[in-house]
Amino acid sequence: MPWCLNKTFRILIFLFCCAGLSILPKEALAQETKTFDGRIDFFSQYASFIFDLKEQGILSAAGNTQGDNYSIQVSLKHVRFGKSDISCDFYSSGIIIKAESGKIKAVKGKAWTQASLLNFKPLKEFSADYEINDSGLTIKALSWADIEIKGDIKRNPDGTLFSNPDFDLYLTIKEMALDELAGLLGINPKDTALSGKVSGEIRLKGPKEAIKIEAKLTALDGGAGEVKFNSAKFTLKGIFPVMRLEDAQINEVNGAVYELKGQFNLLELSNLGSPQHQVTVHSANNVMLIQDWIIKHNIDYEGKDIVEAAYPLKNNQALKMRIKNQDETLGWQKTVKF
C-alpha cells in the first residue's frame, strides 16, 4: 500500500529506531550475518523490529501511538560492547505537542530501564526526562548507574537531528565503582581487577565529527591489578576518540607516586594492548615498587645519592637497607603510633 503514515507515527518510528541503533556498537552494525525482521501496522499505528546480531546479541524494538501519546520499548539481550555484555529493557513514553495549525511543536517524554545487567551483574537503572523541539534534543535530567547528564544536542542547519548533531553535554560521576565505569566503556573488569570509587565531571562539546572532551576524575581507596592506591587523579582533554593525559597521578599506599603521560584511544579501550594507546609511567617522588620492595632515591645534605630499599613485614615493622656511596647499612625498623 502507499506510504501514508501520518507525521505523528513517523516520529514514533524515528524515536525508537534512534533509541535502539544509537546504543549498538559499530562492530555489531557491521556484521553481514545479522538478520532483521519487522512488522508495521498502519491502521493501529504500531511497529516492531527484531535485529538478530548473532554473537553480538539480540535487539528488539516496538512502539505505538494513541492520539498525541506515544510509547516505546527497546530490549537488549546480551549485546556485546567491547568486552562487556549488556542486557536491559528500555521504555519511553510521552506526549506530542501540536500547534493550533496541527504542526508538531515538541515531543516531551520520560525514559527508563528495567532489569539492567552489565556483565551478568545488576546495574543501577537508567532514567531520563527529555524534550525534542525545533532546536534539537534537550536532556533535562538523565541518570544511569552513578552518572548524571544534562545538556543539549542541537539540530543541523538542515533540520536533521542525529545525522551530524552538535553536542553540549555535562556529565557528573558520583562515587561510582571503578569496575562499573570500566564495563560501561567496554572494558572487561576482570582484565584489570579494578576496585575503588571514582567521582568527577566530564564535558562534551562540538559537532559529531569533532567532539571536544574535557574530564577531571578522582578515584579513592582502590586498586588496578597489583597496584593499590590511596588516591588517583586524572585530567583529560582531547578530540574524540583520542584523549591526552594532561595531569594524571597515582598515589600508592606504600608512598610511591606515579605520573602518567601520553594519550589513548577511547574506541580501543577494550584492547588495553592496542598500539593506539601511548601511555608512559614516571616516578613523581623518586619512589618505586619492585614486587614488595619499596625503592627510594634521595640526595643528602652533601648532594650525594642515597638509595633506600624497604621490605614491609607486619605489625608496623620493616626491613630496610641503605646504600650511600661506598657504605651499606642493613637495619630493622619498628614503628609505634601513639
C-alpha atoms as a PDB file:
ATOM      1  CA  MET A   1       0.000   0.000   0.000  1.00  0.00           C
ATOM      2  CA  PRO A   2       1.158   3.625  -0.414  1.00  0.00           C
ATOM      3  CA  TRP A   3       3.359   5.073   2.349  1.00  0.00           C
ATOM      4  CA  CYS A   4       0.677   7.187   4.041  1.00  0.00           C
ATOM      5  CA  LEU A   5       1.709   7.280   7.705  1.00  0.00           C
ATOM      6  CA  ASN A   6       0.785  10.471   9.485  1.00  0.00           C
ATOM      7  CA  LYS A   7       3.611  12.606  10.886  1.00  0.00           C
ATOM      8  CA  THR A   8       2.997  11.504  14.469  1.00  0.00           C
ATOM      9  CA  PHE A   9       3.572   7.861  13.583  1.00  0.00           C
ATOM     10  CA  ARG A  10       6.679   8.693  11.539  1.00  0.00           C
ATOM     11  CA  ILE A  11       8.123  10.464  14.604  1.00  0.00           C
ATOM     12  CA  LEU A  12       7.409   7.367  16.677  1.00  0.00           C
ATOM     13  CA  ILE A  13       9.376   5.129  14.300  1.00  0.00           C
ATOM     14  CA  PHE A  14      12.194   7.664  14.205  1.00  0.00           C
ATOM     15  CA  LEU A  15      12.388   7.820  18.011  1.00  0.00           C
ATOM     16  CA  PHE A  16      12.625   4.149  18.761  1.00  0.00           C
ATOM     17  CA  CYS A  17      14.941   3.410  15.849  1.00  0.00           C
ATOM     18  CA  CYS A  18      17.313   6.079  17.184  1.00  0.00           C
ATOM     19  CA  ALA A  19      16.959   4.726  20.715  1.00  0.00           C
ATOM     20  CA  GLY A  20      17.888   1.249  19.588  1.00  0.00           C
ATOM     21  CA  LEU A  21      20.506   1.857  16.920  1.00  0.00           C
ATOM     22  CA  SER A  22      22.402   4.615  18.757  1.00  0.00           C
ATOM     23  CA  ILE A  23      23.415   2.240  21.563  1.00  0.00           C
ATOM     24  CA  LEU A  24      24.614  -0.532  19.279  1.00  0.00           C
ATOM     25  CA  PRO A  25      28.404  -0.923  18.961  1.00  0.00           C
ATOM     26  CA  LYS A  26      29.729  -0.154  15.479  1.00  0.00           C
ATOM     27  CA  GLU A  27      31.122  -3.651  15.076  1.00  0.00           C
ATOM     28  CA  ALA A  28      27.624  -5.084  15.632  1.00  0.00           C
ATOM     29  CA  LEU A  29      26.086  -2.948  12.913  1.00  0.00           C
ATOM     30  CA  ALA A  30      28.823  -4.011  10.510  1.00  0.00           C
ATOM     31  CA  GLN A  31      28.067  -7.731  10.838  1.00  0.00           C
ATOM     32  CA  GLU A  32      26.966  -9.153   7.496  1.00  0.00           C
ATOM     33  CA  THR A  33      25.441 -12.184   9.238  1.00  0.00           C
ATOM     34  CA  LYS A  34      22.839 -10.185  11.192  1.00  0.00           C
ATOM     35  CA  THR A  35      19.164 -10.740  10.400  1.00  0.00           C
ATOM     36  CA  PHE A  36      16.283  -8.291  10.541  1.00  0.00           C
ATOM     37  CA  ASP A  37      12.567  -8.872  10.984  1.00  0.00           C
ATOM     38  CA  GLY A  38       9.951  -6.141  11.247  1.00  0.00           C
ATOM     39  CA  ARG A  39       6.214  -5.526  11.306  1.00  0.00           C
ATOM     40  CA  ILE A  40       4.275  -2.292  10.756  1.00  0.00           C
ATOM     41  CA  ASP A  41       0.526  -1.992  11.305  1.00  0.00           C
ATOM     42  CA  PHE A  42      -0.582   1.206   9.562  1.00  0.00           C
ATOM     43  CA  PHE A  43      -4.130   1.148  10.898  1.00  0.00           C
ATOM     44  CA  SER A  44      -3.370   0.665  14.623  1.00  0.00           C
ATOM     45  CA  GLN A  45      -0.173   2.734  14.269  1.00  0.00           C
ATOM     46  CA  TYR A  46       2.077   0.050  15.761  1.00  0.00           C
ATOM     47  CA  ALA A  47       5.540  -1.078  14.664  1.00  0.00           C
ATOM     48  CA  SER A  48       8.037  -3.661  15.887  1.00  0.00           C
ATOM     49  CA  PHE A  49      11.501  -4.779  14.781  1.00  0.00           C
ATOM     50  CA  ILE A  50      13.959  -7.501  15.786  1.00  0.00           C
ATOM     51  CA  PHE A  51      17.698  -7.392  14.997  1.00  0.00           C
ATOM     52  CA  ASP A  52      19.448 -10.750  15.449  1.00  0.00           C
ATOM     53  CA  LEU A  53      23.126  -9.814  15.677  1.00  0.00           C
ATOM     54  CA  LYS A  54      24.267 -13.408  16.101  1.00  0.00           C
ATOM     55  CA  GLU A  55      27.224 -13.497  18.504  1.00  0.00           C
ATOM     56  CA  GLN A  56      26.707  -9.756  19.209  1.00  0.00           C
ATOM     57  CA  GLY A  57      23.295 -10.352  20.841  1.00  0.00           C
ATOM     58  CA  ILE A  58      19.669  -9.547  20.034  1.00  0.00           C
ATOM     59  CA  LEU A  59      17.905  -6.162  19.929  1.00  0.00           C
ATOM     60  CA  SER A  60      14.166  -5.711  19.615  1.00  0.00           C
ATOM     61  CA  ALA A  61      12.074  -2.533  19.468  1.00  0.00           C
ATOM     62  CA  ALA A  62       8.365  -1.796  19.451  1.00  0.00           C
ATOM     63  CA  GLY A  63       6.165   1.274  19.728  1.00  0.00           C
ATOM     64  CA  ASN A  64       2.735   2.705  19.122  1.00  0.00           C
ATOM     65  CA  THR A  65       0.787   5.961  19.244  1.00  0.00           C
ATOM     66  CA  GLN A  66      -2.669   6.749  20.609  1.00  0.00           C
ATOM     67  CA  GLY A  67      -3.780  10.255  19.811  1.00  0.00           C
ATOM     68  CA  ASP A  68      -0.998  12.569  20.943  1.00  0.00           C
ATOM     69  CA  ASN A  69       0.568   9.969  23.237  1.00  0.00           C
ATOM     70  CA  TYR A  70       3.346   7.573  22.313  1.00  0.00           C
ATOM     71  CA  SER A  71       5.187   4.667  23.921  1.00  0.00           C
ATOM     72  CA  ILE A  72       8.402   2.850  23.002  1.00  0.00           C
ATOM     73  CA  GLN A  73      10.058  -0.334  24.216  1.00  0.00           C
ATOM     74  CA  VAL A  74      13.593  -1.467  23.315  1.00  0.00           C
ATOM     75  CA  SER A  75      15.062  -4.710  24.629  1.00  0.00           C
ATOM     76  CA  LEU A  76      18.760  -5.633  24.582  1.00  0.00           C
ATOM     77  CA  LYS A  77      19.658  -9.266  25.182  1.00  0.00           C
ATOM     78  CA  HIS A  78      23.370  -9.891  25.764  1.00  0.00           C
ATOM     79  CA  VAL A  79      24.510  -7.183  23.347  1.00  0.00           C
ATOM     80  CA  ARG A  80      28.310  -7.059  23.176  1.00  0.00           C
ATOM     81  CA  PHE A  81      30.019  -3.701  23.667  1.00  0.00           C
ATOM     82  CA  GLY A  82      33.782  -4.100  23.540  1.00  0.00           C
ATOM     83  CA  LYS A  83      34.405  -6.875  26.073  1.00  0.00           C
ATOM     84  CA  SER A  84      31.255  -6.087  28.052  1.00  0.00           C
ATOM     85  CA  ASP A  85      27.873  -7.802  27.941  1.00  0.00           C
ATOM     86  CA  ILE A  86      24.779  -5.580  28.334  1.00  0.00           C
ATOM     87  CA  SER A  87      21.153  -6.602  28.827  1.00  0.00           C
ATOM     88  CA  CYS A  88      18.229  -4.321  29.678  1.00  0.00           C
ATOM     89  CA  ASP A  89      14.648  -3.364  28.860  1.00  0.00           C
ATOM     90  CA  PHE A  90      14.306   0.299  27.807  1.00  0.00           C
ATOM     91  CA  TYR A  91      10.987   2.155  27.937  1.00  0.00           C
ATOM     92  CA  SER A  92       9.907   5.640  26.893  1.00  0.00           C
ATOM     93  CA  SER A  93       6.551   7.384  26.865  1.00  0.00           C
ATOM     94  CA  GLY A  94       5.323  10.917  26.450  1.00  0.00           C
ATOM     95  CA  ILE A  95       3.181  13.402  24.602  1.00  0.00           C
ATOM     96  CA  ILE A  96       3.394  15.107  21.215  1.00  0.00           C
ATOM     97  CA  ILE A  97       2.554  18.823  21.463  1.00  0.00           C
ATOM     98  CA  LYS A  98       0.936  20.422  18.439  1.00  0.00           C
ATOM     99  CA  ALA A  99       0.196  23.995  17.430  1.00  0.00           C
ATOM    100  CA  GLU A 100      -3.318  25.129  16.508  1.00  0.00           C
ATOM    101  CA  SER A 101      -2.425  24.515  12.877  1.00  0.00           C
ATOM    102  CA  GLY A 102      -1.726  20.871  13.696  1.00  0.00           C
ATOM    103  CA  LYS A 103       2.027  21.249  13.208  1.00  0.00           C
ATOM    104  CA  ILE A 104       4.137  19.413  15.768  1.00  0.00           C
ATOM    105  CA  LYS A 105       5.929  21.856  18.098  1.00  0.00           C
ATOM    106  CA  ALA A 106       7.651  19.483  20.531  1.00  0.00           C
ATOM    107  CA  VAL A 107       7.847  15.970  21.910  1.00  0.00           C
ATOM    108  CA  LYS A 108       8.156  15.605  25.679  1.00  0.00           C
ATOM    109  CA  GLY A 109       8.721  12.369  27.478  1.00  0.00           C
ATOM    110  CA  LYS A 110      10.393  10.219  30.074  1.00  0.00           C
ATOM    111  CA  ALA A 111      12.604   7.168  29.606  1.00  0.00           C
ATOM    112  CA  TRP A 112      13.685   4.430  31.990  1.00  0.00           C
ATOM    113  CA  THR A 113      15.091   0.914  32.104  1.00  0.00           C
ATOM    114  CA  GLN A 114      14.347  -2.291  33.973  1.00  0.00           C
ATOM    115  CA  ALA A 115      16.284  -5.499  34.582  1.00  0.00           C
ATOM    116  CA  SER A 116      19.630  -3.953  33.590  1.00  0.00           C
ATOM    117  CA  LEU A 117      22.657  -6.247  33.667  1.00  0.00           C
ATOM    118  CA  LEU A 118      26.294  -5.385  32.979  1.00  0.00           C
ATOM    119  CA  ASN A 119      28.497  -8.453  32.578  1.00  0.00           C
ATOM    120  CA  PHE A 120      25.660 -10.514  34.113  1.00  0.00           C
ATOM    121  CA  LYS A 121      25.586  -8.365  37.280  1.00  0.00           C
ATOM    122  CA  PRO A 122      22.753  -5.968  38.258  1.00  0.00           C
ATOM    123  CA  LEU A 123      23.329  -2.357  37.192  1.00  0.00           C
ATOM    124  CA  LYS A 124      21.594   0.722  38.579  1.00  0.00           C
ATOM    125  CA  GLU A 125      18.728   1.659  36.306  1.00  0.00           C
ATOM    126  CA  PHE A 126      18.535   4.435  33.722  1.00  0.00           C
ATOM    127  CA  SER A 127      16.004   7.287  33.905  1.00  0.00           C
ATOM    128  CA  ALA A 128      15.651  10.466  31.851  1.00  0.00           C
ATOM    129  CA  ASP A 129      13.412  13.476  31.275  1.00  0.00           C
ATOM    130  CA  TYR A 130      13.762  14.974  27.772  1.00  0.00           C
ATOM    131  CA  GLU A 131      12.232  17.250  25.151  1.00  0.00           C
ATOM    132  CA  ILE A 132      12.620  17.368  21.359  1.00  0.00           C
ATOM    133  CA  ASN A 133      11.741  20.677  19.698  1.00  0.00           C
ATOM    134  CA  ASP A 134      12.820  22.895  16.809  1.00  0.00           C
ATOM    135  CA  SER A 135      16.268  23.499  18.350  1.00  0.00           C
ATOM    136  CA  GLY A 136      17.038  19.828  18.992  1.00  0.00           C
ATOM    137  CA  LEU A 137      17.075  17.432  21.955  1.00  0.00           C
ATOM    138  CA  THR A 138      17.195  18.818  25.496  1.00  0.00           C
ATOM    139  CA  ILE A 139      18.119  16.425  28.289  1.00  0.00           C
ATOM    140  CA  LYS A 140      16.580  17.972  31.393  1.00  0.00           C
ATOM    141  CA  ALA A 141      17.746  15.178  33.678  1.00  0.00           C
ATOM    142  CA  LEU A 142      19.350  11.813  32.998  1.00  0.00           C
ATOM    143  CA  SER A 143      20.869   9.325  35.408  1.00  0.00           C
ATOM    144  CA  TRP A 144      22.410   5.936  34.744  1.00  0.00           C
ATOM    145  CA  ALA A 145      24.370   3.947  37.294  1.00  0.00           C
ATOM    146  CA  ASP A 146      26.064   6.800  39.236  1.00  0.00           C
ATOM    147  CA  ILE A 147      26.306   9.134  36.206  1.00  0.00           C
ATOM    148  CA  GLU A 148      24.110  12.222  35.759  1.00  0.00           C
ATOM    149  CA  ILE A 149      23.814  14.020  32.407  1.00  0.00           C
ATOM    150  CA  LYS A 150      22.334  17.372  31.422  1.00  0.00           C
ATOM    151  CA  GLY A 151      22.590  19.417  28.243  1.00  0.00           C
ATOM    152  CA  ASP A 152      21.557  19.736  24.622  1.00  0.00           C
ATOM    153  CA  ILE A 153      22.036  18.007  21.285  1.00  0.00           C
ATOM    154  CA  LYS A 154      21.340  20.654  18.635  1.00  0.00           C
ATOM    155  CA  ARG A 155      19.891  20.086  15.203  1.00  0.00           C
ATOM    156  CA  ASN A 156      21.849  20.543  11.985  1.00  0.00           C
ATOM    157  CA  PRO A 157      21.175  23.632   9.861  1.00  0.00           C
ATOM    158  CA  ASP A 158      19.182  21.386   7.513  1.00  0.00           C
ATOM    159  CA  GLY A 159      16.862  20.445  10.393  1.00  0.00           C
ATOM    160  CA  THR A 160      18.002  16.859  10.942  1.00  0.00           C
ATOM    161  CA  LEU A 161      18.905  15.826  14.468  1.00  0.00           C
ATOM    162  CA  PHE A 162      21.043  12.692  14.521  1.00  0.00           C
ATOM    163  CA  SER A 163      22.937  12.685  11.212  1.00  0.00           C
ATOM    164  CA  ASN A 164      25.584  15.142  12.457  1.00  0.00           C
ATOM    165  CA  PRO A 165      24.463  16.544  15.828  1.00  0.00           C
ATOM    166  CA  ASP A 166      26.170  19.284  17.821  1.00  0.00           C
ATOM    167  CA  PHE A 167      26.724  18.242  21.456  1.00  0.00           C
ATOM    168  CA  ASP A 168      26.827  20.346  24.599  1.00  0.00           C
ATOM    169  CA  LEU A 169      26.590  17.877  27.476  1.00  0.00           C
ATOM    170  CA  TYR A 170      27.717  17.834  31.116  1.00  0.00           C
ATOM    171  CA  LEU A 171      28.336  14.513  32.870  1.00  0.00           C
ATOM    172  CA  THR A 172      28.750  14.189  36.629  1.00  0.00           C
ATOM    173  CA  ILE A 173      30.025  10.974  38.216  1.00  0.00           C
ATOM    174  CA  LYS A 174      29.323  10.483  41.931  1.00  0.00           C
ATOM    175  CA  GLU A 175      31.285   7.754  43.739  1.00  0.00           C
ATOM    176  CA  MET A 176      30.809   5.193  41.004  1.00  0.00           C
ATOM    177  CA  ALA A 177      32.503   1.813  41.290  1.00  0.00           C
ATOM    178  CA  LEU A 178      35.558   1.737  39.026  1.00  0.00           C
ATOM    179  CA  ASP A 179      34.707  -1.696  37.659  1.00  0.00           C
ATOM    180  CA  GLU A 180      31.212  -0.479  36.646  1.00  0.00           C
ATOM    181  CA  LEU A 181      32.654   2.523  34.814  1.00  0.00           C
ATOM    182  CA  ALA A 182      35.119   0.243  33.043  1.00  0.00           C
ATOM    183  CA  GLY A 183      32.276  -2.026  31.967  1.00  0.00           C
ATOM    184  CA  LEU A 184      30.300   0.879  30.508  1.00  0.00           C
ATOM    185  CA  LEU A 185      33.402   1.845  28.499  1.00  0.00           C
ATOM    186  CA  GLY A 186      33.632  -1.660  27.042  1.00  0.00           C
ATOM    187  CA  ILE A 187      36.469  -2.888  29.288  1.00  0.00           C
ATOM    188  CA  ASN A 188      36.132  -6.272  30.954  1.00  0.00           C
ATOM    189  CA  PRO A 189      36.786  -5.539  34.684  1.00  0.00           C
ATOM    190  CA  LYS A 190      38.403  -8.985  35.007  1.00  0.00           C
ATOM    191  CA  ASP A 191      41.215  -7.807  32.732  1.00  0.00           C
ATOM    192  CA  THR A 192      42.211  -5.045  35.151  1.00  0.00           C
ATOM    193  CA  ALA A 193      40.943  -6.192  38.595  1.00  0.00           C
ATOM    194  CA  LEU A 194      39.635  -2.703  39.364  1.00  0.00           C
ATOM    195  CA  SER A 195      38.335  -1.599  42.751  1.00  0.00           C
ATOM    196  CA  GLY A 196      37.513   1.689  44.458  1.00  0.00           C
ATOM    197  CA  LYS A 197      35.194   4.632  43.763  1.00  0.00           C
ATOM    198  CA  VAL A 198      35.531   7.357  41.142  1.00  0.00           C
ATOM    199  CA  SER A 199      33.974  10.843  41.037  1.00  0.00           C
ATOM    200  CA  GLY A 200      34.345  13.767  38.650  1.00  0.00           C
ATOM    201  CA  GLU A 201      32.987  15.852  35.805  1.00  0.00           C
ATOM    202  CA  ILE A 202      33.087  15.443  32.027  1.00  0.00           C
ATOM    203  CA  ARG A 203      32.060  17.884  29.306  1.00  0.00           C
ATOM    204  CA  LEU A 204      31.347  17.002  25.677  1.00  0.00           C
ATOM    205  CA  LYS A 205      31.020  19.882  23.240  1.00  0.00           C
ATOM    206  CA  GLY A 206      31.093  20.239  19.484  1.00  0.00           C
ATOM    207  CA  PRO A 207      29.858  18.558  16.312  1.00  0.00           C
ATOM    208  CA  LYS A 208      29.747  14.784  15.933  1.00  0.00           C
ATOM    209  CA  GLU A 209      32.894  14.690  13.795  1.00  0.00           C
ATOM    210  CA  ALA A 210      34.954  16.734  16.285  1.00  0.00           C
ATOM    211  CA  ILE A 211      33.602  16.324  19.820  1.00  0.00           C
ATOM    212  CA  LYS A 212      35.835  18.084  22.342  1.00  0.00           C
ATOM    213  CA  ILE A 213      36.071  16.219  25.663  1.00  0.00           C
ATOM    214  CA  GLU A 214      37.355  17.607  28.948  1.00  0.00           C
ATOM    215  CA  ALA A 215      37.339  15.473  32.084  1.00  0.00           C
ATOM    216  CA  LYS A 216      38.510  15.693  35.688  1.00  0.00           C
ATOM    217  CA  LEU A 217      38.255  12.435  37.633  1.00  0.00           C
ATOM    218  CA  THR A 218      39.365  11.351  41.110  1.00  0.00           C
ATOM    219  CA  ALA A 219      39.451   7.792  42.453  1.00  0.00           C
ATOM    220  CA  LEU A 220      39.902   6.859  46.115  1.00  0.00           C
ATOM    221  CA  ASP A 221      40.944   3.758  48.076  1.00  0.00           C
ATOM    222  CA  GLY A 222      41.138   1.345  45.188  1.00  0.00           C
ATOM    223  CA  GLY A 223      43.374  -0.713  43.019  1.00  0.00           C
ATOM    224  CA  ALA A 224      44.172  -1.819  39.496  1.00  0.00           C
ATOM    225  CA  GLY A 225      45.706  -5.269  39.366  1.00  0.00           C
ATOM    226  CA  GLU A 226      48.550  -5.404  41.873  1.00  0.00           C
ATOM    227  CA  VAL A 227      48.651  -1.612  42.278  1.00  0.00           C
ATOM    228  CA  LYS A 228      46.836  -0.405  45.410  1.00  0.00           C
ATOM    229  CA  PHE A 229      46.321   3.330  45.767  1.00  0.00           C
ATOM    230  CA  ASN A 230      45.055   5.844  48.300  1.00  0.00           C
ATOM    231  CA  SER A 231      44.066   8.274  45.553  1.00  0.00           C
ATOM    232  CA  ALA A 232      44.362   8.804  41.818  1.00  0.00           C
ATOM    233  CA  LYS A 233      43.526  11.912  39.814  1.00  0.00           C
ATOM    234  CA  PHE A 234      43.193  12.380  36.072  1.00  0.00           C
ATOM    235  CA  THR A 235      42.751  15.499  33.945  1.00  0.00           C
ATOM    236  CA  LEU A 236      41.965  14.527  30.350  1.00  0.00           C
ATOM    237  CA  LYS A 237      41.468  16.566  27.189  1.00  0.00           C
ATOM    238  CA  GLY A 238      41.096  15.688  23.533  1.00  0.00           C
ATOM    239  CA  ILE A 239      39.006  15.358  20.405  1.00  0.00           C
ATOM    240  CA  PHE A 240      37.041  12.088  20.343  1.00  0.00           C
ATOM    241  CA  PRO A 241      38.286   9.403  20.263  1.00  0.00           C
ATOM    242  CA  VAL A 242      41.865  10.421  21.183  1.00  0.00           C
ATOM    243  CA  MET A 243      42.364  11.630  24.772  1.00  0.00           C
ATOM    244  CA  ARG A 244      45.509  13.232  26.218  1.00  0.00           C
ATOM    245  CA  LEU A 245      46.617  12.858  29.838  1.00  0.00           C
ATOM    246  CA  GLU A 246      47.107  16.471  30.899  1.00  0.00           C
ATOM    247  CA  ASP A 247      47.656  15.730  34.601  1.00  0.00           C
ATOM    248  CA  ALA A 248      47.459  12.156  35.859  1.00  0.00           C
ATOM    249  CA  GLN A 249      48.858  10.980  39.181  1.00  0.00           C
ATOM    250  CA  ILE A 250      48.520   7.815  41.262  1.00  0.00           C
ATOM    251  CA  ASN A 251      49.417   7.762  44.972  1.00  0.00           C
ATOM    252  CA  GLU A 252      50.134   4.201  46.047  1.00  0.00           C
ATOM    253  CA  VAL A 253      49.511   3.035  49.605  1.00  0.00           C
ATOM    254  CA  ASN A 254      53.257   2.376  50.068  1.00  0.00           C
ATOM    255  CA  GLY A 255      54.131   6.023  49.426  1.00  0.00           C
ATOM    256  CA  ALA A 256      55.111   5.779  45.770  1.00  0.00           C
ATOM    257  CA  VAL A 257      53.680   8.471  43.473  1.00  0.00           C
ATOM    258  CA  TYR A 258      53.425   7.876  39.735  1.00  0.00           C
ATOM    259  CA  GLU A 259      52.677  10.255  36.873  1.00  0.00           C
ATOM    260  CA  LEU A 260      51.042   9.033  33.662  1.00  0.00           C
ATOM    261  CA  LYS A 261      51.780  10.804  30.388  1.00  0.00           C
ATOM    262  CA  GLY A 262      50.676  10.296  26.805  1.00  0.00           C
ATOM    263  CA  GLN A 263      47.394   9.571  25.059  1.00  0.00           C
ATOM    264  CA  PHE A 264      44.937   6.749  24.403  1.00  0.00           C
ATOM    265  CA  ASN A 265      42.065   5.885  22.059  1.00  0.00           C
ATOM    266  CA  LEU A 266      38.587   5.562  23.579  1.00  0.00           C
ATOM    267  CA  LEU A 267      37.457   3.240  20.782  1.00  0.00           C
ATOM    268  CA  GLU A 268      40.267   0.793  21.635  1.00  0.00           C
ATOM    269  CA  LEU A 269      39.720   0.648  25.414  1.00  0.00           C
ATOM    270  CA  SER A 270      38.512  -2.945  25.211  1.00  0.00           C
ATOM    271  CA  ASN A 271      42.002  -3.830  23.937  1.00  0.00           C
ATOM    272  CA  LEU A 272      44.446  -2.487  26.524  1.00  0.00           C
ATOM    273  CA  GLY A 273      47.388  -3.735  24.447  1.00  0.00           C
ATOM    274  CA  SER A 274      46.405  -1.749  21.361  1.00  0.00           C
ATOM    275  CA  PRO A 275      49.182   0.322  19.720  1.00  0.00           C
ATOM    276  CA  GLN A 276      46.646   3.184  19.708  1.00  0.00           C
ATOM    277  CA  HIS A 277      47.457   3.638  23.402  1.00  0.00           C
ATOM    278  CA  GLN A 278      50.716   5.518  24.036  1.00  0.00           C
ATOM    279  CA  VAL A 279      50.932   5.919  27.818  1.00  0.00           C
ATOM    280  CA  THR A 280      54.136   6.003  29.879  1.00  0.00           C
ATOM    281  CA  VAL A 281      54.535   5.852  33.669  1.00  0.00           C
ATOM    282  CA  HIS A 282      57.040   8.037  35.548  1.00  0.00           C
ATOM    283  CA  SER A 283      58.062   8.191  39.205  1.00  0.00           C
ATOM    284  CA  ALA A 284      56.995  11.540  40.701  1.00  0.00           C
ATOM    285  CA  ASN A 285      58.778  11.280  44.067  1.00  0.00           C
ATOM    286  CA  ASN A 286      61.794   9.035  43.387  1.00  0.00           C
ATOM    287  CA  VAL A 287      59.962   6.054  44.903  1.00  0.00           C
ATOM    288  CA  MET A 288      59.123   2.857  43.063  1.00  0.00           C
ATOM    289  CA  LEU A 289      57.802  -0.589  43.917  1.00  0.00           C
ATOM    290  CA  ILE A 290      59.583  -3.774  42.823  1.00  0.00           C
ATOM    291  CA  GLN A 291      57.402  -6.653  43.909  1.00  0.00           C
ATOM    292  CA  ASP A 292      57.120  -5.990  47.695  1.00  0.00           C
ATOM    293  CA  TRP A 293      60.279  -3.852  47.943  1.00  0.00           C
ATOM    294  CA  ILE A 294      59.876  -0.070  48.173  1.00  0.00           C
ATOM    295  CA  ILE A 295      62.843   1.633  46.497  1.00  0.00           C
ATOM    296  CA  LYS A 296      63.588   5.310  47.278  1.00  0.00           C
ATOM    297  CA  HIS A 297      66.201   7.579  45.752  1.00  0.00           C
ATOM    298  CA  ASN A 298      67.228  10.707  47.704  1.00  0.00           C
ATOM    299  CA  ILE A 299      70.056  13.206  47.905  1.00  0.00           C
ATOM    300  CA  ASP A 300      71.623  14.038  51.289  1.00  0.00           C
ATOM    301  CA  TYR A 301      72.698  17.457  52.542  1.00  0.00           C
ATOM    302  CA  GLU A 302      76.080  16.989  50.824  1.00  0.00           C
ATOM    303  CA  GLY A 303      74.407  16.395  47.472  1.00  0.00           C
ATOM    304  CA  LYS A 304      75.318  12.704  47.437  1.00  0.00           C
ATOM    305  CA  ASP A 305      72.957   9.985  46.233  1.00  0.00           C
ATOM    306  CA  ILE A 306      71.230   7.719  48.722  1.00  0.00           C
ATOM    307  CA  VAL A 307      69.258   4.644  47.695  1.00  0.00           C
ATOM    308  CA  GLU A 308      66.988   3.038  50.304  1.00  0.00           C
ATOM    309  CA  ALA A 309      65.162  -0.268  49.996  1.00  0.00           C
ATOM    310  CA  ALA A 310      62.440  -1.218  52.491  1.00  0.00           C
ATOM    311  CA  TYR A 311      60.595  -4.516  52.769  1.00  0.00           C
ATOM    312  CA  PRO A 312      57.350  -4.290  54.818  1.00  0.00           C
ATOM    313  CA  LEU A 313      56.955  -7.062  57.384  1.00  0.00           C
ATOM    314  CA  LYS A 314      53.999  -6.982  59.767  1.00  0.00           C
ATOM    315  CA  ASN A 315      52.839  -5.144  62.874  1.00  0.00           C
ATOM    316  CA  ASN A 316      54.320  -1.832  61.636  1.00  0.00           C
ATOM    317  CA  GLN A 317      57.744  -3.420  61.080  1.00  0.00           C
ATOM    318  CA  ALA A 318      60.048  -3.171  58.078  1.00  0.00           C
ATOM    319  CA  LEU A 319      63.431  -4.447  56.934  1.00  0.00           C
ATOM    320  CA  LYS A 320      65.497  -1.587  55.480  1.00  0.00           C
ATOM    321  CA  MET A 321      68.722  -1.301  53.510  1.00  0.00           C
ATOM    322  CA  ARG A 322      70.557   1.945  52.665  1.00  0.00           C
ATOM    323  CA  ILE A 323      73.330   2.414  50.111  1.00  0.00           C
ATOM    324  CA  LYS A 324      75.327   5.671  50.283  1.00  0.00           C
ATOM    325  CA  ASN A 325      78.447   5.953  48.133  1.00  0.00           C
ATOM    326  CA  GLN A 326      80.568   3.011  49.294  1.00  0.00           C
ATOM    327  CA  ASP A 327      78.699   2.489  52.589  1.00  0.00           C
ATOM    328  CA  GLU A 328      75.920  -0.029  53.063  1.00  0.00           C
ATOM    329  CA  THR A 329      73.583  -0.294  56.060  1.00  0.00           C
ATOM    330  CA  LEU A 330      71.095  -3.051  56.817  1.00  0.00           C
ATOM    331  CA  GLY A 331      68.593  -2.480  59.621  1.00  0.00           C
ATOM    332  CA  TRP A 332      65.263  -3.384  61.123  1.00  0.00           C
ATOM    333  CA  GLN A 333      62.654  -0.750  61.920  1.00  0.00           C
ATOM    334  CA  LYS A 334      59.558  -0.869  64.098  1.00  0.00           C
ATOM    335  CA  THR A 335      57.059   1.998  64.017  1.00  0.00           C
ATOM    336  CA  VAL A 336      54.968   2.794  67.068  1.00  0.00           C
ATOM    337  CA  LYS A 337      51.918   5.067  66.838  1.00  0.00           C
ATOM    338  CA  PHE A 338      50.752   6.985  69.917  1.00  0.00           C
END
